[in-house]
Amino acid sequence: MNQPAPDGRITVVGNVNLDVLVAGAAELPPPGTEQIVPSIVLRPGGSAANTAVVLAQLGRSTVLAGRVGDDGTARLLAEQLDIPGLRLDLVRADAPTGVTVAAEAPGRDRSFLSALGAMAEFDAEAVPAESLSAKFVLLSGYFLLPALRGDSARDLLAKARRAGARTALDTGWDPAGWSATTRAEVLELLREVDVFLPNEDELRALHGVDCADEEAARGIADETGAIVVVKRGALGALVAQPGQEPITCPAPEVRVRDSTGAGDAFNAGLLHRLADGVQLADATDYAVRVAATVIVRPSHDRAITPEDVMT
C-alpha cells in the first residue's frame, strides 16, 4: 500500500563525484606542452549531487544517496555538501571517489572525462529503504552506475513507488553509443518512471528514428506511459504526456557564464514545483528559469536562493 511521503522531501539517487571544471579549453594542448586556461574549479559534481544541491537551495528537504570512497576527496565533498536541508546517505567504499573533468570553451559544447571509482559498485542495496519514502525519487546518472542498471534500477523504482513516491529518471548520455539493446533496456525501465528527463541528444538517441523532437517525445511517452520533459538549452523545454500533444516552454535570453549543471538545475526546479502540486506546464516554466539563473553565474558562485530565480 502506498504511504504518504514525510515532509514532502525528494530523494536523489545516483552519481556523486568531484567535478574538475576547466574553463577556456577549446582543445587539449599537444603532447609535451602546456596551456594556460582562465580557471580550474573544484566542486561537488555528478548529476545526482548537482540536482540535490539545487533542491536544497530552493528550500526542499532533500536526501542524496550515492557511493564515494573513504578518501580525502570524499571528505572534501562531504564538507562542501554540508548545506541546510540536504541529508547525505553516502556509502563509503574501499575505492577512490569518482572524479569528472569537464572542459568548456565559448563556441563549443562541454566535454567530459570521468573515472567512476566507488560509483562503479553502487547498487540498489546501498539505498536505505527509508530514503525511498518521499514525494519524488529521482535516479540520475544511470549510465555511470553499471551495478544499478537494468533489473536493479527497475526494482529500486518499483520499491519507491510502493513506498508512495513518484519516480523520475535522468539517464545522461550513454558512453557506449545507444545500441539497440540499450535503447530497449531504457524503454523497459521507463515503465517504472513517472517523469523522464532527457536532453535533446538523449531523446533522439533513445527514439532511434530521425524525426522532430515533438514526435520523438510523444512516441516515447505513448509507448512507456512516462511524462517526457526534454531539456533543449536556449530553446527551453518540451513536454510530452501520453495521449496529448506536446507543449513547449521557452527560455529567457541570457549570457551564459557556465553551462555545466544546467540540466541538473532544471531537474531540481521541475521536481521541486511538481512536489508542491503545481501543474506540469507551470513547473516546467519554473525549471527553465532555475536553469537560466544558474548558468549566468560563474563556476565558483552557484549558491542560489528561491528569491534569485528569474521571473
Protein backbone atom coordinates (compact mmCIF):
# COMPACT_ATOMS: atom_id res chain seq x y z
CA MET A 1 0.00 0.00 0.00
CA ASN A 2 1.32 3.47 -0.89
CA GLN A 3 2.09 5.65 2.10
CA PRO A 4 2.27 9.46 2.11
CA ALA A 5 5.81 10.83 1.96
CA PRO A 6 7.07 12.54 5.12
CA ASP A 7 7.67 16.31 4.96
CA GLY A 8 7.49 16.50 1.15
CA ARG A 9 11.10 15.52 0.70
CA ILE A 10 12.76 14.47 -2.53
CA THR A 11 15.38 11.71 -2.67
CA VAL A 12 18.04 11.79 -5.37
CA VAL A 13 19.85 8.51 -6.06
CA GLY A 14 22.89 8.37 -8.28
CA ASN A 15 26.33 9.64 -9.18
CA VAL A 16 28.25 11.70 -6.63
CA ASN A 17 31.77 12.73 -7.55
CA LEU A 18 34.26 15.57 -7.61
CA ASP A 19 34.00 17.89 -10.62
CA VAL A 20 37.13 19.48 -12.02
CA LEU A 21 35.83 22.29 -14.23
CA VAL A 22 38.27 23.62 -16.83
CA ALA A 23 37.24 26.90 -18.49
CA GLY A 24 38.51 28.11 -21.84
CA ALA A 25 39.78 24.71 -23.03
CA ALA A 26 38.73 24.59 -26.67
CA GLU A 27 41.11 21.67 -27.23
CA LEU A 28 43.79 19.76 -25.40
CA PRO A 29 47.36 21.07 -25.83
CA PRO A 30 49.69 18.93 -27.95
CA PRO A 31 51.65 16.22 -26.07
CA GLY A 32 54.55 17.61 -24.08
CA THR A 33 53.19 21.17 -23.99
CA GLU A 34 51.21 23.24 -21.53
CA GLN A 35 48.23 25.56 -21.92
CA ILE A 36 47.08 28.29 -19.54
CA VAL A 37 43.31 28.47 -19.05
CA PRO A 38 41.21 31.17 -17.35
CA SER A 39 40.19 28.97 -14.42
CA ILE A 40 40.05 25.47 -12.98
CA VAL A 41 37.47 24.98 -10.24
CA LEU A 42 36.84 22.03 -7.91
CA ARG A 43 33.30 21.45 -6.67
CA PRO A 44 30.85 18.65 -5.87
CA GLY A 45 29.62 17.06 -9.06
CA GLY A 46 27.69 14.27 -10.63
CA SER A 47 24.18 14.92 -11.88
CA ALA A 48 22.64 13.45 -8.72
CA ALA A 49 24.69 15.66 -6.39
CA ASN A 50 24.13 18.74 -8.55
CA THR A 51 20.37 18.24 -8.51
CA ALA A 52 20.26 17.57 -4.77
CA VAL A 53 22.22 20.75 -4.02
CA VAL A 54 19.85 22.95 -6.06
CA LEU A 55 16.81 21.28 -4.49
CA ALA A 56 18.13 22.08 -1.01
CA GLN A 57 18.95 25.65 -2.07
CA LEU A 58 15.35 26.05 -3.27
CA GLY A 59 14.18 25.08 0.21
CA ARG A 60 13.27 21.45 -0.44
CA SER A 61 14.07 18.81 2.16
CA THR A 62 16.39 16.54 0.17
CA VAL A 63 18.20 13.21 0.56
CA LEU A 64 21.23 12.34 -1.58
CA ALA A 65 22.09 8.64 -1.86
CA GLY A 66 25.31 7.52 -3.53
CA ARG A 67 28.68 5.81 -3.10
CA VAL A 68 32.03 7.51 -2.54
CA GLY A 69 35.49 6.43 -1.45
CA ASP A 70 36.96 6.55 2.01
CA ASP A 71 39.49 9.19 0.99
CA GLY A 72 40.31 12.89 1.10
CA THR A 73 38.17 13.59 -1.96
CA ALA A 74 35.11 12.16 -0.19
CA ARG A 75 35.83 14.26 2.88
CA LEU A 76 36.09 17.37 0.70
CA LEU A 77 32.75 16.52 -0.90
CA ALA A 78 31.08 15.92 2.47
CA GLU A 79 32.29 19.31 3.67
CA GLN A 80 31.01 21.12 0.59
CA LEU A 81 27.71 19.21 0.63
CA ASP A 82 27.04 20.19 4.25
CA ILE A 83 24.23 22.61 3.44
CA PRO A 84 20.87 23.20 5.15
CA GLY A 85 18.11 20.87 4.02
CA LEU A 86 20.38 18.23 2.47
CA ARG A 87 20.87 14.84 4.12
CA LEU A 88 23.64 12.60 2.84
CA ASP A 89 23.18 8.83 2.58
CA LEU A 90 26.63 8.22 1.09
CA VAL A 91 28.14 4.76 1.37
CA ARG A 92 31.92 4.84 2.00
CA ALA A 93 33.83 2.25 -0.03
CA ASP A 94 37.38 0.97 -0.23
CA ALA A 95 37.83 2.59 -3.64
CA PRO A 96 38.67 6.07 -4.93
CA THR A 97 35.90 8.65 -5.07
CA GLY A 98 34.73 9.25 -8.63
CA VAL A 99 36.10 12.27 -10.49
CA THR A 100 34.88 14.04 -13.64
CA VAL A 101 36.90 16.57 -15.62
CA ALA A 102 34.65 18.91 -17.60
CA ALA A 103 36.14 21.14 -20.31
CA GLU A 104 34.23 24.10 -21.66
CA ALA A 105 35.01 26.96 -24.02
CA PRO A 106 32.99 29.59 -25.91
CA GLY A 107 31.51 28.25 -29.13
CA ARG A 108 31.75 24.57 -28.26
CA ASP A 109 29.72 22.11 -26.24
CA ARG A 110 31.08 20.69 -22.99
CA SER A 111 33.12 17.50 -22.98
CA PHE A 112 33.76 15.18 -20.06
CA LEU A 113 36.29 12.65 -18.83
CA SER A 114 35.07 10.52 -15.91
CA ALA A 115 36.62 7.92 -13.62
CA LEU A 116 33.80 6.05 -11.86
CA GLY A 117 35.78 4.90 -8.84
CA ALA A 118 33.44 3.92 -6.00
CA MET A 119 30.35 4.63 -8.12
CA ALA A 120 31.02 1.53 -10.23
CA GLU A 121 29.71 -0.76 -7.48
CA PHE A 122 26.79 1.36 -6.28
CA ASP A 123 23.64 -0.78 -6.33
CA ALA A 124 20.08 -0.74 -5.04
CA GLU A 125 21.06 -2.47 -1.80
CA ALA A 126 23.09 0.61 -0.84
CA VAL A 127 19.98 2.84 -0.81
CA PRO A 128 18.24 2.85 2.60
CA ALA A 129 14.61 1.78 2.29
CA GLU A 130 13.56 4.71 4.48
CA SER A 131 15.01 7.14 1.91
CA LEU A 132 12.59 5.87 -0.75
CA SER A 133 9.60 7.20 1.17
CA ALA A 134 9.48 10.61 -0.49
CA LYS A 135 7.39 12.83 -2.75
CA PHE A 136 9.77 12.02 -5.60
CA VAL A 137 12.66 9.61 -6.05
CA LEU A 138 14.97 10.66 -8.89
CA LEU A 139 17.50 8.22 -10.33
CA SER A 140 20.21 10.28 -12.03
CA GLY A 141 23.41 9.38 -13.85
CA TYR A 142 22.12 5.95 -14.88
CA PHE A 143 24.89 5.12 -17.35
CA LEU A 144 27.58 5.93 -14.79
CA LEU A 145 26.16 3.35 -12.36
CA PRO A 146 26.78 -0.03 -14.01
CA ALA A 147 25.77 -2.06 -10.94
CA LEU A 148 22.41 -0.25 -10.81
CA ARG A 149 21.33 -0.83 -14.40
CA GLY A 150 18.51 -2.97 -15.72
CA ASP A 151 16.64 -5.12 -13.19
CA SER A 152 18.32 -3.43 -10.23
CA ALA A 153 17.09 0.01 -11.30
CA ARG A 154 13.59 -1.28 -12.08
CA ASP A 155 13.37 -2.90 -8.66
CA LEU A 156 14.55 0.30 -6.97
CA LEU A 157 11.99 2.46 -8.75
CA ALA A 158 9.19 -0.04 -8.18
CA LYS A 159 10.07 -0.12 -4.49
CA ALA A 160 9.97 3.69 -4.39
CA ARG A 161 6.51 3.66 -5.96
CA ARG A 162 5.30 1.15 -3.39
CA ALA A 163 6.61 3.50 -0.69
CA GLY A 164 4.39 6.28 -2.08
CA ALA A 165 6.90 8.16 -4.21
CA ARG A 166 6.57 9.37 -7.77
CA THR A 167 9.63 8.41 -9.78
CA ALA A 168 11.89 10.31 -12.17
CA LEU A 169 14.84 9.32 -14.35
CA ASP A 170 17.73 11.20 -15.94
CA THR A 171 19.93 8.68 -17.73
CA GLY A 172 22.54 11.08 -19.06
CA TRP A 173 24.42 10.20 -22.22
CA ASP A 174 25.32 6.58 -22.95
CA PRO A 175 29.13 6.46 -23.40
CA ALA A 176 28.73 3.18 -25.32
CA GLY A 177 26.65 4.81 -28.04
CA TRP A 178 22.98 3.85 -27.50
CA SER A 179 22.87 0.37 -29.01
CA ALA A 180 19.53 -1.26 -29.80
CA THR A 181 19.93 -3.34 -26.63
CA THR A 182 20.50 -0.24 -24.53
CA ARG A 183 17.50 1.54 -26.04
CA ALA A 184 15.30 -1.45 -25.22
CA GLU A 185 16.71 -1.52 -21.68
CA VAL A 186 15.86 2.15 -21.07
CA LEU A 187 12.40 1.93 -22.63
CA GLU A 188 11.59 -1.01 -20.36
CA LEU A 189 12.89 0.93 -17.34
CA LEU A 190 10.64 3.87 -18.23
CA ARG A 191 7.60 1.74 -17.42
CA GLU A 192 8.52 2.32 -13.76
CA VAL A 193 9.08 6.06 -14.29
CA ASP A 194 6.60 8.90 -13.90
CA VAL A 195 8.84 11.69 -15.29
CA PHE A 196 11.65 11.13 -17.80
CA LEU A 197 14.21 13.94 -18.11
CA PRO A 198 16.39 13.64 -21.25
CA ASN A 199 18.10 16.38 -23.19
CA GLU A 200 17.62 16.65 -26.97
CA ASP A 201 20.54 14.42 -27.88
CA GLU A 202 19.48 11.71 -25.42
CA LEU A 203 15.87 11.88 -26.64
CA ARG A 204 16.89 11.41 -30.27
CA ALA A 205 19.33 8.61 -29.48
CA LEU A 206 16.73 6.74 -27.44
CA HIS A 207 13.98 7.15 -30.01
CA GLY A 208 16.32 5.89 -32.73
CA VAL A 209 14.32 7.45 -35.58
CA ASP A 210 15.21 10.66 -37.40
CA CYS A 211 12.25 12.90 -36.64
CA ALA A 212 11.29 16.10 -34.84
CA ASP A 213 11.74 16.30 -31.08
CA GLU A 214 7.98 16.62 -30.62
CA GLU A 215 7.35 13.36 -32.44
CA ALA A 216 10.13 11.55 -30.60
CA ALA A 217 8.96 12.74 -27.18
CA ARG A 218 5.32 11.90 -27.91
CA GLY A 219 6.31 8.46 -29.20
CA ILE A 220 8.28 7.60 -26.05
CA ALA A 221 5.53 8.94 -23.80
CA ASP A 222 2.87 6.90 -25.57
CA GLU A 223 4.99 3.73 -25.57
CA THR A 224 6.05 3.82 -21.91
CA GLY A 225 3.40 5.87 -20.08
CA ALA A 226 6.03 8.27 -18.73
CA ILE A 227 5.80 12.03 -18.94
CA VAL A 228 8.75 13.15 -21.10
CA VAL A 229 10.28 16.55 -20.31
CA VAL A 230 13.06 17.41 -22.75
CA LYS A 231 15.78 19.93 -21.91
CA ARG A 232 16.59 21.98 -25.01
CA GLY A 233 19.10 24.58 -23.87
CA ALA A 234 18.42 28.02 -25.33
CA LEU A 235 15.13 26.69 -26.77
CA GLY A 236 13.77 25.98 -23.28
CA ALA A 237 11.90 22.71 -22.75
CA LEU A 238 9.45 20.38 -24.44
CA VAL A 239 6.79 18.43 -22.53
CA ALA A 240 5.03 15.32 -23.84
CA GLN A 241 2.35 13.44 -21.93
CA PRO A 242 0.86 10.15 -23.11
CA GLY A 243 -2.01 10.73 -25.49
CA GLN A 244 -1.55 14.53 -25.61
CA GLU A 245 0.06 16.99 -27.98
CA PRO A 246 3.48 18.20 -26.74
CA ILE A 247 3.87 21.72 -25.41
CA THR A 248 6.93 23.97 -25.31
CA CYS A 249 8.27 26.33 -22.64
CA PRO A 250 10.67 28.99 -23.96
CA ALA A 251 13.83 30.02 -22.15
CA PRO A 252 14.80 33.60 -21.32
CA GLU A 253 17.70 35.08 -23.27
CA VAL A 254 20.74 35.14 -21.01
CA ARG A 255 24.51 35.43 -21.22
CA VAL A 256 25.85 32.00 -20.31
CA ARG A 257 28.82 32.01 -17.91
CA ASP A 258 28.98 28.26 -17.15
CA SER A 259 26.52 25.75 -18.62
CA THR A 260 27.79 22.79 -16.55
CA GLY A 261 24.94 21.54 -14.38
CA ALA A 262 22.21 23.41 -16.24
CA GLY A 263 20.18 20.25 -16.83
CA ASP A 264 20.55 19.22 -13.20
CA ALA A 265 19.28 22.61 -12.04
CA PHE A 266 16.35 22.19 -14.43
CA ASN A 267 15.56 18.79 -12.90
CA ALA A 268 15.63 20.30 -9.42
CA GLY A 269 13.30 23.15 -10.33
CA LEU A 270 10.82 20.86 -12.05
CA LEU A 271 10.60 18.26 -9.29
CA HIS A 272 10.51 20.93 -6.58
CA ARG A 273 7.42 22.53 -8.09
CA LEU A 274 5.75 19.23 -9.01
CA ALA A 275 6.20 18.12 -5.39
CA ASP A 276 4.26 21.25 -4.41
CA GLY A 277 1.37 20.17 -6.64
CA VAL A 278 2.00 22.77 -9.36
CA GLN A 279 0.68 21.99 -12.85
CA LEU A 280 3.20 20.42 -15.23
CA ALA A 281 3.44 23.39 -17.63
CA ASP A 282 4.00 25.86 -14.80
CA ALA A 283 6.53 23.58 -13.13
CA THR A 284 8.41 23.29 -16.43
CA ASP A 285 8.47 27.05 -16.87
CA TYR A 286 9.90 27.38 -13.36
CA ALA A 287 12.53 24.73 -14.15
CA VAL A 288 13.67 26.63 -17.23
CA ARG A 289 14.07 29.77 -15.15
CA VAL A 290 16.03 27.93 -12.43
CA ALA A 291 18.43 26.62 -15.07
CA ALA A 292 18.80 30.11 -16.54
CA THR A 293 19.51 31.51 -13.08
CA VAL A 294 22.34 29.03 -12.58
CA ILE A 295 24.08 29.31 -15.95
CA VAL A 296 24.55 33.08 -15.75
CA ARG A 297 26.79 32.55 -12.70
CA PRO A 298 30.46 31.56 -12.79
CA SER A 299 31.62 28.17 -11.55
CA HIS A 300 32.66 29.47 -8.14
CA ASP A 301 29.32 31.18 -7.39
CA ARG A 302 26.49 28.67 -7.73
CA ALA A 303 24.68 29.23 -4.42
CA ILE A 304 21.14 30.43 -5.16
CA THR A 305 18.01 31.11 -3.12
CA PRO A 306 14.36 30.95 -4.22
CA GLU A 307 14.41 34.74 -4.45
CA ASP A 308 17.22 34.59 -7.03
CA VAL A 309 15.18 32.59 -9.57
CA MET A 310 14.47 34.65 -12.65
CA THR A 311 10.94 35.93 -13.12
